[in-house]
Amino acid sequence: MSLDWTTLTDGELATLSIAGRQAAFAEIMNRYRQPVFRLIRASVGDAEEALDLTQESFISAYQALARYDPDRPMRAWLSTIAINKCRDWGRKRRVRRFLTLGGALGAEAERVADDRVAADVAASDRQELERVAKAIADLPANLREPLVLRTIEGLSQADTANILGISEKAVETRLYRARAKLEAAIG
């Protein structure tokens, strides 16, 4: 008799994953891969980096399953891990950018990367989407994260506050500021 993984709760899947049932963790990934990817993509602004960070997030989640609280929503737990991966990526990116500014090759490589236009970006709506995604990715983390969690991922204000470790009022304030900065950037 085969087990129907789709009928199990997140807590049951976590328990089975800890016990070594790989199919249980595969079901967790099937349930949450797209929301985690969207969250990361909106945070970093680069689809290829987002794929790598999504994979890293699920690897970290698998390694930390013993610390998962089944009373807490799996999506919120995974979102916290994903946000932390994005923060780490941002710190590493700032360090790399700082270090490459001193060398001519690094500066040239950065200029070329910034000027590159992807071949599939031909339609004006696609360009506009990319412009908005870049504007979101360029927001400071304290404004970008609540915007992505609330607006793109559709999480509640309470869930967003819980994931970010701030008050609901702080979420509201940061959303207001993020939207104002986005409007100014996109114009």
Foldseek 3Di string as FASTA:
>chain_A
DDDDLVVDALLVLLVVLVVPDPVSLVVVCVVAVVLLLLLLCLQQLDNVVSVVLSVVLSVVCSVCSVVDDSVDHPNLVSNLSSLVSSVVVVVVVVVLLVVLVVDPVSVVVVVVVVPDDDPPQDDPVSVLVSQLSVLLNPDPSLLSQLCCCCPVVVDDLVSSCVSVVHDSVSSVVSPVVSVVSSVVSSD
